[in-house]
N, C-alpha and C. Protein backbone atom coordinates (compact mmCIF):
# COMPACT_ATOMS: atom_id res chain seq x y z
N MET A 1 80.67 55.76 106.54
CA MET A 1 79.83 56.87 106.94
C MET A 1 78.55 56.83 106.12
N GLU A 2 77.43 56.94 106.78
CA GLU A 2 76.14 56.89 106.11
C GLU A 2 75.81 58.24 105.49
N LYS A 3 75.35 58.20 104.26
CA LYS A 3 74.98 59.43 103.56
C LYS A 3 73.59 59.85 103.98
N LYS A 4 73.42 61.10 104.33
CA LYS A 4 72.12 61.62 104.76
C LYS A 4 71.49 62.41 103.64
N ASN A 5 70.17 62.48 103.64
CA ASN A 5 69.47 63.33 102.68
C ASN A 5 69.91 64.77 102.89
N GLY A 6 70.14 65.46 101.81
CA GLY A 6 70.52 66.86 101.91
C GLY A 6 72.00 67.07 102.09
N GLY A 7 72.81 66.01 101.91
CA GLY A 7 74.25 66.16 102.03
C GLY A 7 74.79 67.01 100.90
N CYS A 8 76.03 67.46 101.05
CA CYS A 8 76.61 68.27 99.99
C CYS A 8 76.68 67.48 98.70
N GLY A 9 76.41 68.16 97.66
CA GLY A 9 76.28 67.53 96.35
C GLY A 9 74.82 67.39 95.97
N SER A 10 73.95 67.49 96.97
CA SER A 10 72.52 67.41 96.68
C SER A 10 71.99 68.81 96.38
N GLU A 11 70.78 68.87 95.90
CA GLU A 11 70.16 70.17 95.57
C GLU A 11 69.84 71.00 96.80
N THR A 12 69.89 70.41 97.98
CA THR A 12 69.57 71.16 99.19
C THR A 12 70.80 71.56 100.00
N CYS A 13 71.98 71.21 99.52
CA CYS A 13 73.20 71.55 100.25
C CYS A 13 73.39 73.07 100.26
N PRO A 14 73.48 73.71 101.42
CA PRO A 14 73.62 75.16 101.46
C PRO A 14 74.91 75.67 100.84
N VAL A 15 75.99 74.92 100.94
CA VAL A 15 77.26 75.37 100.35
C VAL A 15 77.16 75.31 98.82
N THR A 16 76.59 74.23 98.30
CA THR A 16 76.41 74.11 96.86
C THR A 16 75.49 75.20 96.34
N LYS A 17 74.39 75.47 97.05
CA LYS A 17 73.45 76.52 96.62
C LYS A 17 74.14 77.89 96.63
N CYS A 18 74.95 78.16 97.65
CA CYS A 18 75.68 79.42 97.72
C CYS A 18 76.63 79.54 96.54
N MET A 19 77.35 78.47 96.23
CA MET A 19 78.28 78.50 95.10
C MET A 19 77.55 78.67 93.78
N ASP A 20 76.32 78.18 93.69
CA ASP A 20 75.53 78.40 92.48
C ASP A 20 75.27 79.89 92.26
N VAL A 21 75.10 80.63 93.36
CA VAL A 21 74.82 82.07 93.25
C VAL A 21 76.10 82.87 93.05
N ILE A 22 77.12 82.64 93.88
CA ILE A 22 78.31 83.47 93.79
C ILE A 22 79.35 82.93 92.82
N GLY A 23 79.09 81.74 92.30
CA GLY A 23 79.88 81.23 91.19
C GLY A 23 81.17 80.55 91.56
N TRP A 24 81.79 80.09 90.54
CA TRP A 24 82.99 79.29 90.74
C TRP A 24 84.24 80.04 90.30
N LYS A 25 84.25 80.69 89.17
CA LYS A 25 85.49 81.32 88.72
C LYS A 25 85.41 82.84 88.66
N TRP A 26 84.38 83.41 88.07
CA TRP A 26 84.38 84.84 87.77
C TRP A 26 83.54 85.70 88.70
N LYS A 27 82.55 85.17 89.37
CA LYS A 27 81.61 86.02 90.08
C LYS A 27 82.22 86.74 91.27
N ILE A 28 83.00 86.06 92.08
CA ILE A 28 83.63 86.73 93.22
C ILE A 28 84.60 87.80 92.73
N PRO A 29 85.47 87.52 91.75
CA PRO A 29 86.32 88.61 91.24
C PRO A 29 85.52 89.77 90.64
N LEU A 30 84.39 89.46 89.99
CA LEU A 30 83.55 90.54 89.46
C LEU A 30 82.99 91.40 90.58
N LEU A 31 82.53 90.76 91.65
CA LEU A 31 82.01 91.53 92.79
C LEU A 31 83.12 92.36 93.42
N TYR A 32 84.31 91.80 93.50
CA TYR A 32 85.45 92.54 94.04
C TYR A 32 85.73 93.78 93.19
N ALA A 33 85.73 93.62 91.87
CA ALA A 33 85.97 94.76 90.98
C ALA A 33 84.86 95.80 91.13
N LEU A 34 83.62 95.36 91.17
CA LEU A 34 82.50 96.30 91.33
C LEU A 34 82.60 97.04 92.66
N SER A 35 83.04 96.35 93.69
CA SER A 35 83.16 97.01 95.01
C SER A 35 84.27 98.05 95.03
N HIS A 36 85.16 98.00 94.04
CA HIS A 36 86.25 98.97 93.93
C HIS A 36 86.02 99.98 92.80
N GLY A 37 84.75 100.13 92.40
CA GLY A 37 84.40 101.20 91.48
C GLY A 37 84.49 100.88 90.00
N VAL A 38 84.84 99.65 89.64
CA VAL A 38 84.87 99.28 88.22
C VAL A 38 83.45 98.83 87.90
N ASN A 39 82.67 99.68 87.20
CA ASN A 39 81.24 99.40 87.09
C ASN A 39 80.65 99.46 85.68
N ARG A 40 81.49 99.61 84.67
CA ARG A 40 80.99 99.62 83.29
C ARG A 40 81.52 98.39 82.57
N PHE A 41 80.77 97.92 81.58
CA PHE A 41 81.13 96.69 80.90
C PHE A 41 82.55 96.76 80.33
N GLY A 42 82.85 97.82 79.61
CA GLY A 42 84.18 97.95 79.02
C GLY A 42 85.28 97.98 80.06
N ALA A 43 85.04 98.66 81.17
CA ALA A 43 86.04 98.73 82.24
C ALA A 43 86.24 97.35 82.87
N LEU A 44 85.13 96.62 83.05
CA LEU A 44 85.25 95.25 83.59
C LEU A 44 86.01 94.36 82.63
N GLU A 45 85.74 94.53 81.36
CA GLU A 45 86.42 93.71 80.35
C GLU A 45 87.93 93.98 80.37
N ARG A 46 88.32 95.25 80.53
CA ARG A 46 89.74 95.60 80.61
C ARG A 46 90.37 95.16 81.93
N TYR A 47 89.58 95.16 83.00
CA TYR A 47 90.06 94.80 84.34
C TYR A 47 90.54 93.34 84.37
N PHE A 48 89.84 92.48 83.62
CA PHE A 48 90.20 91.07 83.58
C PHE A 48 90.87 90.76 82.25
N ASP A 49 92.05 90.19 82.32
CA ASP A 49 92.82 89.91 81.11
C ASP A 49 92.21 88.83 80.24
N ASN A 50 91.63 87.81 80.84
CA ASN A 50 91.27 86.64 80.05
C ASN A 50 89.80 86.23 80.16
N ILE A 51 88.90 87.20 80.21
CA ILE A 51 87.47 86.87 80.19
C ILE A 51 86.91 87.30 78.83
N SER A 52 86.12 86.43 78.24
CA SER A 52 85.51 86.77 76.96
C SER A 52 84.29 87.66 77.18
N LYS A 53 83.89 88.38 76.16
CA LYS A 53 82.68 89.21 76.25
C LYS A 53 81.48 88.34 76.57
N GLN A 54 81.42 87.17 75.95
CA GLN A 54 80.30 86.26 76.17
C GLN A 54 80.24 85.81 77.64
N MET A 55 81.38 85.44 78.21
CA MET A 55 81.41 84.98 79.60
C MET A 55 81.10 86.14 80.55
N LEU A 56 81.64 87.32 80.28
CA LEU A 56 81.37 88.48 81.12
C LEU A 56 79.88 88.80 81.11
N THR A 57 79.27 88.79 79.95
CA THR A 57 77.83 89.05 79.83
C THR A 57 77.04 88.00 80.60
N LYS A 58 77.40 86.74 80.45
CA LYS A 58 76.70 85.64 81.14
C LYS A 58 76.78 85.81 82.66
N GLU A 59 77.97 86.06 83.17
CA GLU A 59 78.16 86.18 84.61
C GLU A 59 77.42 87.40 85.17
N LEU A 60 77.47 88.53 84.46
CA LEU A 60 76.75 89.72 84.92
C LEU A 60 75.24 89.47 84.92
N ARG A 61 74.73 88.82 83.90
CA ARG A 61 73.30 88.53 83.84
C ARG A 61 72.86 87.60 84.97
N GLU A 62 73.69 86.61 85.28
CA GLU A 62 73.36 85.69 86.38
C GLU A 62 73.38 86.41 87.72
N LEU A 63 74.37 87.26 87.93
CA LEU A 63 74.42 88.03 89.18
C LEU A 63 73.22 88.95 89.30
N GLU A 64 72.82 89.53 88.18
CA GLU A 64 71.64 90.39 88.18
C GLU A 64 70.37 89.58 88.46
N ALA A 65 70.24 88.43 87.83
CA ALA A 65 69.05 87.57 88.03
C ALA A 65 68.94 87.10 89.48
N ASP A 66 70.08 86.92 90.14
CA ASP A 66 70.08 86.48 91.54
C ASP A 66 69.95 87.63 92.52
N GLY A 67 69.86 88.86 92.01
CA GLY A 67 69.68 90.02 92.88
C GLY A 67 70.95 90.49 93.55
N ILE A 68 72.10 90.05 93.07
CA ILE A 68 73.39 90.42 93.68
C ILE A 68 73.87 91.77 93.15
N ILE A 69 73.59 92.04 91.88
CA ILE A 69 73.94 93.34 91.29
C ILE A 69 72.71 93.89 90.57
N SER A 70 72.75 95.18 90.30
CA SER A 70 71.70 95.79 89.48
C SER A 70 72.36 96.43 88.26
N ARG A 71 71.57 96.58 87.23
CA ARG A 71 72.05 97.13 85.96
C ARG A 71 71.19 98.33 85.62
N GLU A 72 71.86 99.45 85.35
CA GLU A 72 71.13 100.67 85.00
C GLU A 72 71.57 101.13 83.62
N ILE A 73 70.59 101.34 82.75
CA ILE A 73 70.86 101.83 81.41
C ILE A 73 70.52 103.31 81.37
N PHE A 74 71.48 104.13 80.96
CA PHE A 74 71.28 105.57 80.87
C PHE A 74 70.88 105.91 79.43
N PRO A 75 69.83 106.72 79.27
CA PRO A 75 69.34 107.05 77.92
C PRO A 75 70.24 108.08 77.23
N GLU A 76 71.38 107.62 76.81
CA GLU A 76 72.35 108.49 76.13
C GLU A 76 72.70 107.84 74.80
N ILE A 77 73.40 108.58 73.97
CA ILE A 77 73.87 108.02 72.72
C ILE A 77 75.39 108.13 72.71
N PRO A 78 76.12 107.05 72.68
CA PRO A 78 75.65 105.67 72.79
C PRO A 78 75.16 105.39 74.21
N PRO A 79 74.30 104.36 74.38
CA PRO A 79 73.78 104.05 75.72
C PRO A 79 74.91 103.68 76.68
N ARG A 80 74.76 104.14 77.89
CA ARG A 80 75.74 103.84 78.95
C ARG A 80 75.06 102.90 79.92
N VAL A 81 75.75 101.83 80.30
CA VAL A 81 75.23 100.86 81.25
C VAL A 81 76.19 100.78 82.42
N GLU A 82 75.64 100.86 83.63
CA GLU A 82 76.47 100.74 84.83
C GLU A 82 75.89 99.65 85.72
N TYR A 83 76.80 98.93 86.36
CA TYR A 83 76.44 97.86 87.28
C TYR A 83 76.78 98.29 88.69
N THR A 84 75.88 98.01 89.62
CA THR A 84 76.14 98.31 91.03
C THR A 84 75.76 97.11 91.88
N ILE A 85 76.37 97.03 93.01
CA ILE A 85 76.08 95.93 93.93
C ILE A 85 74.85 96.31 94.74
N THR A 86 73.93 95.38 94.86
CA THR A 86 72.70 95.59 95.62
C THR A 86 72.97 95.38 97.11
N PRO A 87 72.02 95.77 97.96
CA PRO A 87 72.18 95.47 99.39
C PRO A 87 72.39 93.97 99.66
N LEU A 88 71.71 93.12 98.90
CA LEU A 88 71.93 91.68 99.06
C LEU A 88 73.37 91.33 98.69
N GLY A 89 73.87 91.91 97.61
CA GLY A 89 75.25 91.66 97.21
C GLY A 89 76.25 92.14 98.24
N GLU A 90 75.93 93.25 98.90
CA GLU A 90 76.82 93.77 99.94
C GLU A 90 76.98 92.81 101.10
N THR A 91 76.00 91.95 101.32
CA THR A 91 76.12 90.97 102.41
C THR A 91 77.21 89.94 102.12
N LEU A 92 77.69 89.89 100.87
CA LEU A 92 78.78 88.98 100.52
C LEU A 92 80.16 89.57 100.84
N PHE A 93 80.25 90.87 101.12
CA PHE A 93 81.54 91.49 101.37
C PHE A 93 82.32 90.84 102.50
N PRO A 94 81.69 90.49 103.63
CA PRO A 94 82.48 89.82 104.68
C PRO A 94 83.10 88.51 104.20
N ILE A 95 82.41 87.79 103.34
CA ILE A 95 82.95 86.55 102.79
C ILE A 95 84.13 86.85 101.88
N ILE A 96 83.97 87.83 101.01
CA ILE A 96 85.04 88.20 100.08
C ILE A 96 86.24 88.73 100.85
N ASP A 97 86.00 89.56 101.86
CA ASP A 97 87.09 90.08 102.69
C ASP A 97 87.82 88.96 103.41
N ALA A 98 87.07 87.98 103.92
CA ALA A 98 87.68 86.85 104.61
C ALA A 98 88.55 86.04 103.64
N MET A 99 88.08 85.87 102.42
CA MET A 99 88.87 85.15 101.42
C MET A 99 90.17 85.90 101.13
N SER A 100 90.07 87.21 100.99
CA SER A 100 91.24 88.03 100.72
C SER A 100 92.25 87.94 101.88
N GLU A 101 91.74 88.07 103.09
CA GLU A 101 92.62 88.00 104.27
C GLU A 101 93.27 86.63 104.39
N TRP A 102 92.52 85.57 104.13
CA TRP A 102 93.07 84.22 104.20
C TRP A 102 94.23 84.09 103.23
N TRP A 103 94.03 84.57 101.98
CA TRP A 103 95.08 84.47 100.98
C TRP A 103 96.31 85.26 101.38
N LYS A 104 96.10 86.46 101.89
CA LYS A 104 97.24 87.28 102.31
C LYS A 104 98.05 86.58 103.40
N LYS A 105 97.38 85.93 104.33
CA LYS A 105 98.08 85.21 105.40
C LYS A 105 98.84 84.02 104.84
N GLN A 106 98.26 83.33 103.87
CA GLN A 106 98.91 82.15 103.31
C GLN A 106 100.13 82.52 102.48
N THR A 107 100.08 83.67 101.85
CA THR A 107 101.19 84.07 100.97
C THR A 107 102.03 85.18 101.58
N LYS A 108 101.68 85.56 102.79
CA LYS A 108 102.42 86.59 103.53
C LYS A 108 102.53 87.89 102.76
N ILE A 109 101.40 88.28 102.14
CA ILE A 109 101.32 89.55 101.42
C ILE A 109 101.12 90.67 102.45
N PRO A 110 101.94 91.70 102.43
CA PRO A 110 101.73 92.81 103.38
C PRO A 110 100.43 93.55 103.08
N GLU A 111 99.84 94.08 104.13
CA GLU A 111 98.58 94.81 103.97
C GLU A 111 98.80 96.20 103.47
């Protein structure tokens, strides 16, 4: 099979570019948690058993930089920070829902 310019693995592959934005391990679960009302750093940290503070911070910053989530700092003492999904991020919900449904069908999890 002849390799074409722009094939997957290249910088122009749409699937690779999408995975760069929504991530490989933590970003989809983070979006899932945010969509279910877990929106503060400490709550997100408790929601996931095995994510480090450094990794959580990195993933949240990347999602924010890509316009998938927004971060709001409330002028309180101590400062309160909340994360919300942006309209662009909401466009990922059908993908996340499809992934969830696929898994439920594969493992026969009741709805």
